[in-house]
Amino acid sequence: MSKTSFISFCVEYYADHIGKTSDQVYELFKKEKLLDLLETDYEDLHGMGMEYLMQMFDEYLGGKKQ
């Protein structure tokens, strides 16, 4: 999976997880620098399960479901 596909997948999955649109989540990830983290840590993260990633995103965003 390419980095771009992985990031898109994470945005879409997290949007579903918190009940927001993918556009809203993309902007949130961008604002909170989570897009940068997904890009730089791609090698470590792309093999993780979605449950782990959703928990990581929740924790990274401080539990804020914006």
PDB file of N, CA and C in Angstrom:
ATOM      1  N   MET A   1       0.849  -1.172   0.000  1.00  0.00           N
ATOM      2  CA  MET A   1       0.000   0.000   0.000  1.00  0.00           C
ATOM      3  C   MET A   1       0.899   1.241   0.000  1.00  0.00           C
ATOM      4  N   SER A   2       0.582   2.180  -0.846  1.00  0.00           N
ATOM      5  CA  SER A   2       1.373   3.417  -0.900  1.00  0.00           C
ATOM      6  C   SER A   2       1.043   4.302   0.306  1.00  0.00           C
ATOM      7  N   LYS A   3       1.916   5.266   0.574  1.00  0.00           N
ATOM      8  CA  LYS A   3       1.671   6.205   1.676  1.00  0.00           C
ATOM      9  C   LYS A   3       0.359   6.948   1.472  1.00  0.00           C
ATOM     10  N   THR A   4       0.122   7.392   0.244  1.00  0.00           N
ATOM     11  CA  THR A   4      -1.101   8.141  -0.046  1.00  0.00           C
ATOM     12  C   THR A   4      -2.338   7.293   0.202  1.00  0.00           C
ATOM     13  N   SER A   5      -2.308   6.041  -0.243  1.00  0.00           N
ATOM     14  CA  SER A   5      -3.436   5.139  -0.012  1.00  0.00           C
ATOM     15  C   SER A   5      -3.634   4.877   1.472  1.00  0.00           C
ATOM     16  N   PHE A   6      -2.547   4.696   2.204  1.00  0.00           N
ATOM     17  CA  PHE A   6      -2.619   4.455   3.635  1.00  0.00           C
ATOM     18  C   PHE A   6      -3.242   5.644   4.360  1.00  0.00           C
ATOM     19  N   ILE A   7      -2.793   6.834   4.025  1.00  0.00           N
ATOM     20  CA  ILE A   7      -3.321   8.042   4.667  1.00  0.00           C
ATOM     21  C   ILE A   7      -4.804   8.201   4.347  1.00  0.00           C
ATOM     22  N   SER A   8      -5.174   7.995   3.096  1.00  0.00           N
ATOM     23  CA  SER A   8      -6.590   8.088   2.707  1.00  0.00           C
ATOM     24  C   SER A   8      -7.431   7.071   3.474  1.00  0.00           C
ATOM     25  N   PHE A   9      -6.919   5.860   3.585  1.00  0.00           N
ATOM     26  CA  PHE A   9      -7.617   4.810   4.315  1.00  0.00           C
ATOM     27  C   PHE A   9      -7.800   5.198   5.778  1.00  0.00           C
ATOM     28  N   CYS A  10      -6.756   5.741   6.388  1.00  0.00           N
ATOM     29  CA  CYS A  10      -6.834   6.164   7.795  1.00  0.00           C
ATOM     30  C   CYS A  10      -7.862   7.273   7.979  1.00  0.00           C
ATOM     31  N   VAL A  11      -7.856   8.243   7.083  1.00  0.00           N
ATOM     32  CA  VAL A  11      -8.812   9.356   7.164  1.00  0.00           C
ATOM     33  C   VAL A  11     -10.240   8.819   7.046  1.00  0.00           C
ATOM     34  N   GLU A  12     -10.485   7.980   6.064  1.00  0.00           N
ATOM     35  CA  GLU A  12     -11.828   7.434   5.854  1.00  0.00           C
ATOM     36  C   GLU A  12     -12.279   6.589   7.055  1.00  0.00           C
ATOM     37  N   TYR A  13     -11.400   5.751   7.542  1.00  0.00           N
ATOM     38  CA  TYR A  13     -11.748   4.865   8.645  1.00  0.00           C
ATOM     39  C   TYR A  13     -11.999   5.667   9.922  1.00  0.00           C
ATOM     40  N   TYR A  14     -11.162   6.697  10.169  1.00  0.00           N
ATOM     41  CA  TYR A  14     -11.347   7.509  11.365  1.00  0.00           C
ATOM     42  C   TYR A  14     -12.619   8.344  11.262  1.00  0.00           C
ATOM     43  N   ALA A  15     -12.930   8.808  10.071  1.00  0.00           N
ATOM     44  CA  ALA A  15     -14.174   9.558   9.872  1.00  0.00           C
ATOM     45  C   ALA A  15     -15.371   8.699  10.273  1.00  0.00           C
ATOM     46  N   ASP A  16     -15.365   7.459   9.845  1.00  0.00           N
ATOM     47  CA  ASP A  16     -16.435   6.532  10.228  1.00  0.00           C
ATOM     48  C   ASP A  16     -16.426   6.284  11.733  1.00  0.00           C
ATOM     49  N   HIS A  17     -15.243   6.164  12.289  1.00  0.00           N
ATOM     50  CA  HIS A  17     -15.060   5.895  13.730  1.00  0.00           C
ATOM     51  C   HIS A  17     -15.674   6.995  14.592  1.00  0.00           C
ATOM     52  N   ILE A  18     -15.554   8.248  14.162  1.00  0.00           N
ATOM     53  CA  ILE A  18     -16.055   9.356  14.987  1.00  0.00           C
ATOM     54  C   ILE A  18     -17.331   9.996  14.434  1.00  0.00           C
ATOM     55  N   GLY A  19     -17.830   9.481  13.330  1.00  0.00           N
ATOM     56  CA  GLY A  19     -19.083   9.996  12.793  1.00  0.00           C
ATOM     57  C   GLY A  19     -18.974  11.356  12.135  1.00  0.00           C
ATOM     58  N   LYS A  20     -17.842  11.628  11.513  1.00  0.00           N
ATOM     59  CA  LYS A  20     -17.616  12.888  10.789  1.00  0.00           C
ATOM     60  C   LYS A  20     -17.373  12.579   9.325  1.00  0.00           C
ATOM     61  N   THR A  21     -17.347  13.617   8.505  1.00  0.00           N
ATOM     62  CA  THR A  21     -17.029  13.414   7.094  1.00  0.00           C
ATOM     63  C   THR A  21     -15.519  13.274   6.925  1.00  0.00           C
ATOM     64  N   SER A  22     -15.132  12.675   5.828  1.00  0.00           N
ATOM     65  CA  SER A  22     -13.698  12.526   5.568  1.00  0.00           C
ATOM     66  C   SER A  22     -13.041  13.891   5.370  1.00  0.00           C
ATOM     67  N   ASP A  23     -13.759  14.863   4.819  1.00  0.00           N
ATOM     68  CA  ASP A  23     -13.214  16.217   4.674  1.00  0.00           C
ATOM     69  C   ASP A  23     -12.916  16.836   6.038  1.00  0.00           C
ATOM     70  N   GLN A  24     -13.834  16.656   6.988  1.00  0.00           N
ATOM     71  CA  GLN A  24     -13.630  17.184   8.335  1.00  0.00           C
ATOM     72  C   GLN A  24     -12.427  16.529   9.005  1.00  0.00           C
ATOM     73  N   VAL A  25     -12.314  15.223   8.855  1.00  0.00           N
ATOM     74  CA  VAL A  25     -11.203  14.501   9.473  1.00  0.00           C
ATOM     75  C   VAL A  25      -9.883  14.864   8.808  1.00  0.00           C
ATOM     76  N   TYR A  26      -9.886  15.003   7.499  1.00  0.00           N
ATOM     77  CA  TYR A  26      -8.657  15.406   6.805  1.00  0.00           C
ATOM     78  C   TYR A  26      -8.172  16.755   7.345  1.00  0.00           C
ATOM     79  N   GLU A  27      -9.075  17.704   7.480  1.00  0.00           N
ATOM     80  CA  GLU A  27      -8.698  19.022   8.001  1.00  0.00           C
ATOM     81  C   GLU A  27      -8.210  18.931   9.447  1.00  0.00           C
ATOM     82  N   LEU A  28      -8.846  18.086  10.254  1.00  0.00           N
ATOM     83  CA  LEU A  28      -8.414  17.868  11.631  1.00  0.00           C
ATOM     84  C   LEU A  28      -7.014  17.277  11.665  1.00  0.00           C
ATOM     85  N   PHE A  29      -6.782  16.236  10.873  1.00  0.00           N
ATOM     86  CA  PHE A  29      -5.466  15.607  10.814  1.00  0.00           C
ATOM     87  C   PHE A  29      -4.407  16.614  10.349  1.00  0.00           C
ATOM     88  N   LYS A  30      -4.770  17.427   9.394  1.00  0.00           N
ATOM     89  CA  LYS A  30      -3.840  18.442   8.876  1.00  0.00           C
ATOM     90  C   LYS A  30      -3.525  19.475   9.963  1.00  0.00           C
ATOM     91  N   LYS A  31      -4.562  19.983  10.615  1.00  0.00           N
ATOM     92  CA  LYS A  31      -4.402  20.988  11.677  1.00  0.00           C
ATOM     93  C   LYS A  31      -3.552  20.466  12.829  1.00  0.00           C
ATOM     94  N   GLU A  32      -3.771  19.227  13.204  1.00  0.00           N
ATOM     95  CA  GLU A  32      -3.086  18.634  14.355  1.00  0.00           C
ATOM     96  C   GLU A  32      -1.772  17.940  13.980  1.00  0.00           C
ATOM     97  N   LYS A  33      -1.357  18.081  12.724  1.00  0.00           N
ATOM     98  CA  LYS A  33      -0.090  17.515  12.224  1.00  0.00           C
ATOM     99  C   LYS A  33      -0.067  15.993  12.204  1.00  0.00           C
ATOM    100  N   LEU A  34      -1.239  15.388  12.236  1.00  0.00           N
ATOM    101  CA  LEU A  34      -1.318  13.934  12.190  1.00  0.00           C
ATOM    102  C   LEU A  34      -1.002  13.415  10.789  1.00  0.00           C
ATOM    103  N   LEU A  35      -1.298  14.200   9.764  1.00  0.00           N
ATOM    104  CA  LEU A  35      -0.919  13.808   8.405  1.00  0.00           C
ATOM    105  C   LEU A  35       0.595  13.668   8.293  1.00  0.00           C
ATOM    106  N   ASP A  36       1.322  14.611   8.901  1.00  0.00           N
ATOM    107  CA  ASP A  36       2.789  14.548   8.880  1.00  0.00           C
ATOM    108  C   ASP A  36       3.290  13.289   9.587  1.00  0.00           C
ATOM    109  N   LEU A  37       2.678  12.965  10.719  1.00  0.00           N
ATOM    110  CA  LEU A  37       3.066  11.772  11.472  1.00  0.00           C
ATOM    111  C   LEU A  37       2.817  10.505  10.654  1.00  0.00           C
ATOM    112  N   LEU A  38       1.677  10.442   9.987  1.00  0.00           N
ATOM    113  CA  LEU A  38       1.374   9.270   9.168  1.00  0.00           C
ATOM    114  C   LEU A  38       2.368   9.127   8.026  1.00  0.00           C
ATOM    115  N   GLU A  39       2.799  10.244   7.493  1.00  0.00           N
ATOM    116  CA  GLU A  39       3.779  10.225   6.401  1.00  0.00           C
ATOM    117  C   GLU A  39       5.157   9.781   6.904  1.00  0.00           C
ATOM    118  N   THR A  40       5.619  10.389   7.985  1.00  0.00           N
ATOM    119  CA  THR A  40       6.974  10.092   8.465  1.00  0.00           C
ATOM    120  C   THR A  40       7.089   8.717   9.122  1.00  0.00           C
ATOM    121  N   ASP A  41       6.024   8.268   9.771  1.00  0.00           N
ATOM    122  CA  ASP A  41       6.054   6.977  10.468  1.00  0.00           C
ATOM    123  C   ASP A  41       5.346   5.871   9.693  1.00  0.00           C
ATOM    124  N   TYR A  42       5.170   6.074   8.408  1.00  0.00           N
ATOM    125  CA  TYR A  42       4.459   5.123   7.560  1.00  0.00           C
ATOM    126  C   TYR A  42       4.996   3.699   7.714  1.00  0.00           C
ATOM    127  N   GLU A  43       6.297   3.549   7.679  1.00  0.00           N
ATOM    128  CA  GLU A  43       6.899   2.203   7.747  1.00  0.00           C
ATOM    129  C   GLU A  43       6.484   1.462   9.013  1.00  0.00           C
ATOM    130  N   ASP A  44       6.391   2.178  10.132  1.00  0.00           N
ATOM    131  CA  ASP A  44       6.005   1.552  11.395  1.00  0.00           C
ATOM    132  C   ASP A  44       4.493   1.344  11.515  1.00  0.00           C
ATOM    133  N   LEU A  45       3.718   2.268  10.962  1.00  0.00           N
ATOM    134  CA  LEU A  45       2.279   2.262  11.182  1.00  0.00           C
ATOM    135  C   LEU A  45       1.466   1.431  10.201  1.00  0.00           C
ATOM    136  N   HIS A  46       1.930   1.302   8.966  1.00  0.00           N
ATOM    137  CA  HIS A  46       1.068   0.681   7.967  1.00  0.00           C
ATOM    138  C   HIS A  46       0.791  -0.806   8.224  1.00  0.00           C
ATOM    139  N   GLY A  47       1.565  -1.424   9.082  1.00  0.00           N
ATOM    140  CA  GLY A  47       1.317  -2.823   9.423  1.00  0.00           C
ATOM    141  C   GLY A  47       0.451  -3.010  10.651  1.00  0.00           C
ATOM    142  N   MET A  48       0.090  -1.910  11.293  1.00  0.00           N
ATOM    143  CA  MET A  48      -0.725  -1.974  12.505  1.00  0.00           C
ATOM    144  C   MET A  48      -2.186  -2.205  12.146  1.00  0.00           C
ATOM    145  N   GLY A  49      -2.913  -2.794  13.048  1.00  0.00           N
ATOM    146  CA  GLY A  49      -4.346  -3.011  12.842  1.00  0.00           C
ATOM    147  C   GLY A  49      -5.128  -1.718  13.002  1.00  0.00           C
ATOM    148  N   MET A  50      -6.296  -1.686  12.405  1.00  0.00           N
ATOM    149  CA  MET A  50      -7.126  -0.475  12.458  1.00  0.00           C
ATOM    150  C   MET A  50      -7.576  -0.155  13.879  1.00  0.00           C
ATOM    151  N   GLU A  51      -7.838  -1.172  14.698  1.00  0.00           N
ATOM    152  CA  GLU A  51      -8.232  -0.910  16.085  1.00  0.00           C
ATOM    153  C   GLU A  51      -7.124  -0.160  16.819  1.00  0.00           C
ATOM    154  N   TYR A  52      -5.885  -0.604  16.630  1.00  0.00           N
ATOM    155  CA  TYR A  52      -4.739   0.072  17.237  1.00  0.00           C
ATOM    156  C   TYR A  52      -4.639   1.507  16.725  1.00  0.00           C
ATOM    157  N   LEU A  53      -4.775   1.693  15.412  1.00  0.00           N
ATOM    158  CA  LEU A  53      -4.649   3.034  14.831  1.00  0.00           C
ATOM    159  C   LEU A  53      -5.754   3.968  15.332  1.00  0.00           C
ATOM    160  N   MET A  54      -6.971   3.479  15.442  1.00  0.00           N
ATOM    161  CA  MET A  54      -8.071   4.327  15.938  1.00  0.00           C
ATOM    162  C   MET A  54      -7.790   4.766  17.373  1.00  0.00           C
ATOM    163  N   GLN A  55      -7.285   3.846  18.188  1.00  0.00           N
ATOM    164  CA  GLN A  55      -6.933   4.190  19.565  1.00  0.00           C
ATOM    165  C   GLN A  55      -5.795   5.207  19.579  1.00  0.00           C
ATOM    166  N   MET A  56      -4.799   5.005  18.725  1.00  0.00           N
ATOM    167  CA  MET A  56      -3.677   5.938  18.653  1.00  0.00           C
ATOM    168  C   MET A  56      -4.154   7.326  18.238  1.00  0.00           C
ATOM    169  N   PHE A  57      -5.043   7.385  17.231  1.00  0.00           N
ATOM    170  CA  PHE A  57      -5.554   8.687  16.785  1.00  0.00           C
ATOM    171  C   PHE A  57      -6.340   9.367  17.900  1.00  0.00           C
ATOM    172  N   ASP A  58      -7.185   8.596  18.593  1.00  0.00           N
ATOM    173  CA  ASP A  58      -7.942   9.158  19.718  1.00  0.00           C
ATOM    174  C   ASP A  58      -6.997   9.741  20.769  1.00  0.00           C
ATOM    175  N   GLU A  59      -5.964   8.992  21.114  1.00  0.00           N
ATOM    176  CA  GLU A  59      -5.016   9.449  22.123  1.00  0.00           C
ATOM    177  C   GLU A  59      -4.215  10.642  21.614  1.00  0.00           C
ATOM    178  N   TYR A  60      -3.766  10.577  20.370  1.00  0.00           N
ATOM    179  CA  TYR A  60      -2.984  11.675  19.792  1.00  0.00           C
ATOM    180  C   TYR A  60      -3.794  12.964  19.785  1.00  0.00           C
ATOM    181  N   LEU A  61      -5.058  12.848  19.478  1.00  0.00           N
ATOM    182  CA  LEU A  61      -5.922  14.030  19.404  1.00  0.00           C
ATOM    183  C   LEU A  61      -6.473  14.409  20.789  1.00  0.00           C
ATOM    184  N   GLY A  62      -5.981  13.772  21.805  1.00  0.00           N
ATOM    185  CA  GLY A  62      -6.368  14.106  23.165  1.00  0.00           C
ATOM    186  C   GLY A  62      -7.791  13.728  23.510  1.00  0.00           C
ATOM    187  N   GLY A  63      -8.308  12.716  22.814  1.00  0.00           N
ATOM    188  CA  GLY A  63      -9.658  12.289  23.081  1.00  0.00           C
ATOM    189  C   GLY A  63     -10.713  13.228  22.516  1.00  0.00           C
ATOM    190  N   LYS A  64     -10.269  14.278  21.810  1.00  0.00           N
ATOM    191  CA  LYS A  64     -11.216  15.231  21.215  1.00  0.00           C
ATOM    192  C   LYS A  64     -11.812  14.641  19.971  1.00  0.00           C
ATOM    193  N   LYS A  65     -13.077  14.455  19.935  1.00  0.00           N
ATOM    194  CA  LYS A  65     -13.757  13.977  18.732  1.00  0.00           C
ATOM    195  C   LYS A  65     -14.443  15.175  18.109  1.00  0.00           C
ATOM    196  N   GLN A  66     -13.657  15.920  17.366  1.00  0.00           N
ATOM    197  CA  GLN A  66     -14.105  17.205  16.830  1.00  0.00           C
ATOM    198  C   GLN A  66     -14.914  17.073  15.589  1.00  0.00           C
TER     199      GLN A  66
END
